[in-house]
C-alpha atoms as a PDB file:
ATOM      1  CA  MET A   1      -4.857 -19.850   2.605  1.00  0.00           C
ATOM      2  CA  ARG A   2      -2.919 -23.075   2.843  1.00  0.00           C
ATOM      3  CA  SER A   3      -2.703 -22.952   6.614  1.00  0.00           C
ATOM      4  CA  ASP A   4      -6.053 -23.457   8.806  1.00  0.00           C
ATOM      5  CA  VAL A   5      -3.647 -21.639  11.385  1.00  0.00           C
ATOM      6  CA  HIS A   6      -3.422 -18.649   8.921  1.00  0.00           C
ATOM      7  CA  GLU A   7      -7.070 -18.791   8.339  1.00  0.00           C
ATOM      8  CA  ARG A   8      -8.147 -18.435  11.812  1.00  0.00           C
ATOM      9  CA  LYS A   9      -5.548 -15.843  12.367  1.00  0.00           C
ATOM     10  CA  MET A  10      -7.250 -13.810   9.488  1.00  0.00           C
ATOM     11  CA  LYS A  11     -10.332 -14.136  10.708  1.00  0.00           C
ATOM     12  CA  SER A  12      -9.547 -12.819  14.070  1.00  0.00           C
ATOM     13  CA  LEU A  13      -7.732  -9.614  12.487  1.00  0.00           C
ATOM     14  CA  THR A  14     -10.261  -6.446  12.468  1.00  0.00           C
ATOM     15  CA  GLY A  15      -8.261  -4.325  10.193  1.00  0.00           C
ATOM     16  CA  LEU A  16      -5.896  -3.759   7.534  1.00  0.00           C
ATOM     17  CA  SER A  17      -3.279  -2.306   9.911  1.00  0.00           C
ATOM     18  CA  ARG A  18      -3.808  -5.560  12.188  1.00  0.00           C
ATOM     19  CA  VAL A  19      -2.898  -7.732   8.798  1.00  0.00           C
ATOM     20  CA  ARG A  20      -0.121  -5.666   7.842  1.00  0.00           C
ATOM     21  CA  ASN A  21       1.535  -6.039  11.543  1.00  0.00           C
ATOM     22  CA  GLU A  22       0.771  -9.766  11.407  1.00  0.00           C
ATOM     23  CA  SER A  23       2.462 -10.225   7.993  1.00  0.00           C
ATOM     24  CA  GLU A  24       5.548  -8.495   9.357  1.00  0.00           C
ATOM     25  CA  ARG A  25       5.588 -10.679  12.439  1.00  0.00           C
ATOM     26  CA  ASP A  26       5.127 -13.724  10.512  1.00  0.00           C
ATOM     27  CA  PRO A  27       6.347 -13.866   6.777  1.00  0.00           C
ATOM     28  CA  THR A  28       4.452 -17.192   6.277  1.00  0.00           C
ATOM     29  CA  PHE A  29       1.280 -15.519   6.944  1.00  0.00           C
ATOM     30  CA  GLN A  30       1.820 -12.913   4.337  1.00  0.00           C
ATOM     31  CA  VAL A  31       3.000 -15.710   1.464  1.00  0.00           C
ATOM     32  CA  ASP A  32      -0.170 -17.534   2.413  1.00  0.00           C
ATOM     33  CA  LEU A  33      -2.679 -14.156   2.219  1.00  0.00           C
ATOM     34  CA  LYS A  34      -0.905 -13.226  -1.112  1.00  0.00           C
ATOM     35  CA  GLU A  35      -1.553 -16.758  -2.562  1.00  0.00           C
ATOM     36  CA  SER A  36      -5.190 -16.520  -1.423  1.00  0.00           C
ATOM     37  CA  VAL A  37      -5.792 -13.299  -2.987  1.00  0.00           C
ATOM     38  CA  LYS A  38      -3.721 -13.695  -6.219  1.00  0.00           C
ATOM     39  CA  SER A  39      -6.652 -15.314  -8.117  1.00  0.00           C
ATOM     40  CA  VAL A  40      -9.170 -12.711  -7.170  1.00  0.00           C
ATOM     41  CA  ILE A  41      -6.765 -10.014  -7.917  1.00  0.00           C
ATOM     42  CA  ASP A  42      -6.120 -11.704 -11.484  1.00  0.00           C
ATOM     43  CA  ILE A  43     -10.023 -11.794 -12.199  1.00  0.00           C
ATOM     44  CA  ILE A  44     -10.303  -8.071 -11.245  1.00  0.00           C
ATOM     45  CA  ALA A  45      -7.269  -7.169 -13.313  1.00  0.00           C
ATOM     46  CA  GLU A  46      -8.700  -9.429 -16.074  1.00  0.00           C
ATOM     47  CA  ARG A  47     -12.305  -7.387 -16.096  1.00  0.00           C
ATOM     48  CA  PHE A  48     -10.456  -3.916 -16.223  1.00  0.00           C
ATOM     49  CA  ASN A  49      -8.246  -4.700 -19.230  1.00  0.00           C
ATOM     50  CA  ARG A  50     -11.818  -5.425 -20.787  1.00  0.00           C
ATOM     51  CA  LEU A  51     -12.923  -1.956 -20.109  1.00  0.00           C
ATOM     52  CA  ARG A  52     -13.123   0.871 -22.444  1.00  0.00           C
ATOM     53  CA  TRP A  53     -12.996   4.695 -21.406  1.00  0.00           C
ATOM     54  CA  LYS A  54     -13.937   7.390 -23.611  1.00  0.00           C
ATOM     55  CA  GLU A  55     -13.666   5.068 -26.498  1.00  0.00           C
ATOM     56  CA  GLN A  56     -10.041   3.940 -25.325  1.00  0.00           C
ATOM     57  CA  ASP A  57      -9.047   0.699 -23.813  1.00  0.00           C
ATOM     58  CA  VAL A  58      -8.333   0.839 -20.101  1.00  0.00           C
ATOM     59  CA  THR A  59      -4.642  -0.444 -19.305  1.00  0.00           C
ATOM     60  CA  THR A  60      -3.579  -2.082 -16.037  1.00  0.00           C
ATOM     61  CA  HIS A  61      -0.332  -2.712 -14.838  1.00  0.00           C
ATOM     62  CA  GLN A  62       1.285  -5.315 -12.258  1.00  0.00           C
ATOM     63  CA  ALA A  63       1.971  -3.946  -9.203  1.00  0.00           C
ATOM     64  CA  ALA A  64       5.657  -3.413  -8.312  1.00  0.00           C
ATOM     65  CA  THR A  65       7.166  -5.909  -6.050  1.00  0.00           C
ATOM     66  CA  GLN A  66       8.882  -4.802  -2.786  1.00  0.00           C
ATOM     67  CA  ASP A  67      12.344  -5.523  -4.223  1.00  0.00           C
ATOM     68  CA  VAL A  68      11.587  -3.156  -7.005  1.00  0.00           C
ATOM     69  CA  ILE A  69      10.322  -0.685  -4.742  1.00  0.00           C
ATOM     70  CA  ASP A  70      13.719  -0.929  -2.763  1.00  0.00           C
ATOM     71  CA  VAL A  71      15.747  -0.237  -5.941  1.00  0.00           C
ATOM     72  CA  ILE A  72      13.811   2.888  -6.677  1.00  0.00           C
ATOM     73  CA  MET A  73      13.982   4.274  -3.206  1.00  0.00           C
ATOM     74  CA  ASP A  74      17.568   3.569  -3.156  1.00  0.00           C
ATOM     75  CA  LEU A  75      18.181   5.654  -6.243  1.00  0.00           C
ATOM     76  CA  VAL A  76      15.974   8.467  -4.886  1.00  0.00           C
ATOM     77  CA  LYS A  77      18.186   8.663  -1.841  1.00  0.00           C
ATOM     78  CA  LEU A  78      21.182   8.546  -4.354  1.00  0.00           C
ATOM     79  CA  ILE A  79      19.997  11.932  -5.900  1.00  0.00           C
ATOM     80  CA  ASP A  80      18.703  13.413  -2.583  1.00  0.00           C
ATOM     81  CA  GLU A  81      19.954  12.092   0.642  1.00  0.00           C
ATOM     82  CA  ASP A  82      17.677  14.065   2.991  1.00  0.00           C
ATOM     83  CA  ILE A  83      14.330  12.755   1.350  1.00  0.00           C
ATOM     84  CA  ASP A  84      11.798  11.884   3.383  1.00  0.00           C
ATOM     85  CA  LEU A  85      10.653   8.537   2.265  1.00  0.00           C
ATOM     86  CA  SER A  86       8.124   7.620   4.859  1.00  0.00           C
ATOM     87  CA  SER A  87       4.535   7.632   3.631  1.00  0.00           C
ATOM     88  CA  PRO A  88       2.123  10.306   4.094  1.00  0.00           C
ATOM     89  CA  SER A  89       0.056   8.085   7.006  1.00  0.00           C
ATOM     90  CA  GLU A  90       3.539   7.532   8.636  1.00  0.00           C
ATOM     91  CA  ARG A  91       4.268  11.460   8.430  1.00  0.00           C
ATOM     92  CA  CYS A  92       0.668  12.035  10.149  1.00  0.00           C
ATOM     93  CA  ASN A  93       1.252   9.297  12.647  1.00  0.00           C
ATOM     94  CA  THR A  94       4.485  11.296  13.832  1.00  0.00           C
ATOM     95  CA  LEU A  95       3.057  14.749  14.054  1.00  0.00           C
ATOM     96  CA  GLN A  96       3.177  16.300  17.657  1.00  0.00           C
ATOM     97  CA  GLU A  97      -0.225  16.655  19.246  1.00  0.00           C
ATOM     98  CA  SER A  98      -0.681  20.103  19.968  1.00  0.00           C
ATOM     99  CA  ASP A  99      -3.506  22.443  21.506  1.00  0.00           C
ATOM    100  CA  SER A 100      -5.059  23.689  18.358  1.00  0.00           C
ATOM    101  CA  PRO A 101      -6.584  20.939  16.245  1.00  0.00           C
ATOM    102  CA  HIS A 102      -5.166  22.321  13.123  1.00  0.00           C
ATOM    103  CA  GLU A 103      -1.890  22.950  13.857  1.00  0.00           C
ATOM    104  CA  GLY A 104       0.387  20.154  12.405  1.00  0.00           C
ATOM    105  CA  SER A 105      -1.873  18.780  10.494  1.00  0.00           C
ATOM    106  CA  LEU A 106      -1.792  17.576   6.938  1.00  0.00           C
ATOM    107  CA  SER A 107      -3.792  19.805   4.511  1.00  0.00           C
ATOM    108  CA  ARG A 108      -5.711  18.463   1.150  1.00  0.00           C
ATOM    109  CA  LYS A 109      -2.179  19.745  -0.716  1.00  0.00           C
ATOM    110  CA  ASP A 110       0.048  17.771   1.029  1.00  0.00           C
ATOM    111  CA  LEU A 111      -1.776  14.321  -0.250  1.00  0.00           C
ATOM    112  CA  HIS A 112      -0.566  13.126  -3.657  1.00  0.00           C
ATOM    113  CA  ILE A 113      -2.048  10.513  -5.738  1.00  0.00           C
ATOM    114  CA  SER A 114      -0.477   9.514  -9.108  1.00  0.00           C
ATOM    115  CA  GLY A 115       1.929  12.619  -8.910  1.00  0.00           C
ATOM    116  CA  LYS A 116      -1.159  15.069  -8.701  1.00  0.00           C
ATOM    117  CA  HIS A 117      -2.160  17.085  -5.882  1.00  0.00           C
ATOM    118  CA  MET A 118      -5.404  16.726  -4.780  1.00  0.00           C
END
C-alpha cells in the first residue's frame, strides 16, 4: 500500500468483512488495497492461464468492475422490478431468528455457484 496509515490500518483489521467496511468508509483505503494486491492477482491469473485440465487450456477472465455490475443489475431490474438483488449472505443476515434452529435458514439448494445449484 502506498500509505503507511493504510498499511497499519490493514494490519489491524482481523477479517474480510472489516476490510470491506473500512473500504466503504475510506475510498482511498480501497484504492490503495486494490493497487497493492494487483500484482499478486496478475501472477495468479498468469499461472492459471498456463494450466491445462483434461487436455484443454484453462481460460481465465478479468473480474467485472463495479460499474459493469451496476449496469447489469439495472438491466435485470428492467426485466423484473421485484427481484431481490441482495447477495445470499445479506439475505441470511436479514432472516429473523426463531425458536427452531432450522426455521428460516437457507438450505444447500438455495445457494448458487456459477448458475448451478450446489
